[in-house]
Amino acid sequence: MQKKLTITVAEDVYEGLHRVIGRPKISGFIEDLVKPYVLRKSLEVAYQQMAQDEAREGQALEWAEATLRARAGGAEVR
């Protein structure tokens, strides 16, 4: 079941939502942004899905290890 919510935003934000997202998609856009913050289960599911993505996890591990090496050696991380 859906519920109607009225929110107040700055005029430039309102115009940007209409221009960039499009009127029929604004509700879904905002719901997708807010959902992980208010529905913990959705956040847990998202983390589980990310963990199952082996390529992404491999890249994340490489980045983390490079960051640790760079910090230990005093080098900058890009």
Protein backbone atom coordinates (compact mmCIF):
# COMPACT_ATOMS: atom_id res chain seq x y z
CA MET A 1 0.00 0.00 0.00
CA GLN A 2 1.23 3.48 -0.80
CA LYS A 3 0.76 6.64 1.27
CA LYS A 4 0.84 10.20 0.04
CA LEU A 5 3.48 12.51 1.55
CA THR A 6 3.75 16.24 1.07
CA ILE A 7 7.24 17.71 1.43
CA THR A 8 8.64 21.19 1.04
CA VAL A 9 11.83 21.79 -0.97
CA ALA A 10 13.58 24.86 -2.31
CA GLU A 11 12.31 26.11 -5.65
CA ASP A 12 15.56 25.27 -7.47
CA VAL A 13 15.45 21.72 -6.11
CA TYR A 14 11.83 21.38 -7.23
CA GLU A 15 12.65 22.61 -10.73
CA GLY A 16 15.72 20.36 -10.88
CA LEU A 17 13.68 17.30 -9.93
CA HIS A 18 11.23 18.03 -12.72
CA ARG A 19 13.97 18.77 -15.25
CA VAL A 20 16.39 15.94 -14.41
CA ILE A 21 14.18 13.16 -13.01
CA GLY A 22 10.85 13.95 -14.65
CA ARG A 23 7.51 14.37 -12.94
CA PRO A 24 6.28 10.78 -13.16
CA LYS A 25 9.51 9.39 -11.64
CA ILE A 26 10.08 11.78 -8.70
CA SER A 27 8.30 9.65 -6.08
CA GLY A 28 10.28 6.54 -7.00
CA PHE A 29 13.54 8.50 -7.08
CA ILE A 30 12.98 9.90 -3.58
CA GLU A 31 11.81 6.54 -2.23
CA ASP A 32 14.95 4.81 -3.56
CA LEU A 33 17.13 7.46 -1.88
CA VAL A 34 15.36 7.30 1.48
CA LYS A 35 14.64 3.57 1.76
CA PRO A 36 18.10 2.41 2.97
CA TYR A 37 17.99 4.97 5.79
CA VAL A 38 14.57 4.01 7.11
CA LEU A 39 14.30 0.30 6.33
CA ARG A 40 17.25 -1.48 7.86
CA LYS A 41 16.32 -4.76 6.21
CA SER A 42 16.67 -3.16 2.77
CA LEU A 43 20.14 -1.97 3.72
CA GLU A 44 21.13 -5.45 4.89
CA VAL A 45 19.85 -6.97 1.65
CA ALA A 46 21.80 -4.40 -0.36
CA TYR A 47 25.01 -5.25 1.54
CA GLN A 48 24.41 -8.97 0.95
CA GLN A 49 23.93 -8.37 -2.76
CA MET A 50 27.11 -6.28 -2.92
CA ALA A 51 29.06 -9.01 -1.08
CA GLN A 52 27.94 -11.56 -3.68
CA ASP A 53 29.40 -9.45 -6.49
CA GLU A 54 32.86 -11.02 -6.63
CA ALA A 55 34.30 -8.56 -9.14
CA ARG A 56 33.23 -5.58 -7.03
CA GLU A 57 34.50 -7.20 -3.84
CA GLY A 58 37.85 -7.89 -5.53
CA GLN A 59 38.14 -4.24 -6.58
CA ALA A 60 37.20 -3.10 -3.07
CA LEU A 61 39.85 -5.37 -1.54
CA GLU A 62 42.51 -4.11 -3.96
CA TRP A 63 41.60 -0.51 -3.14
CA ALA A 64 41.68 -1.16 0.62
CA GLU A 65 45.05 -2.90 0.43
CA ALA A 66 46.53 -0.15 -1.75
CA THR A 67 45.23 2.45 0.69
CA LEU A 68 46.86 0.67 3.63
CA ARG A 69 50.16 0.29 1.74
CA ALA A 70 50.13 3.95 0.74
CA ARG A 71 49.36 5.12 4.27
CA ALA A 72 52.11 2.90 5.70
CA GLY A 73 54.59 4.29 3.18
CA GLY A 74 53.34 7.87 3.44
CA ALA A 75 52.30 8.04 -0.22
CA GLU A 76 49.15 9.70 -1.54
CA VAL A 77 46.21 7.54 -2.62
CA ARG A 78 44.49 8.38 -5.90
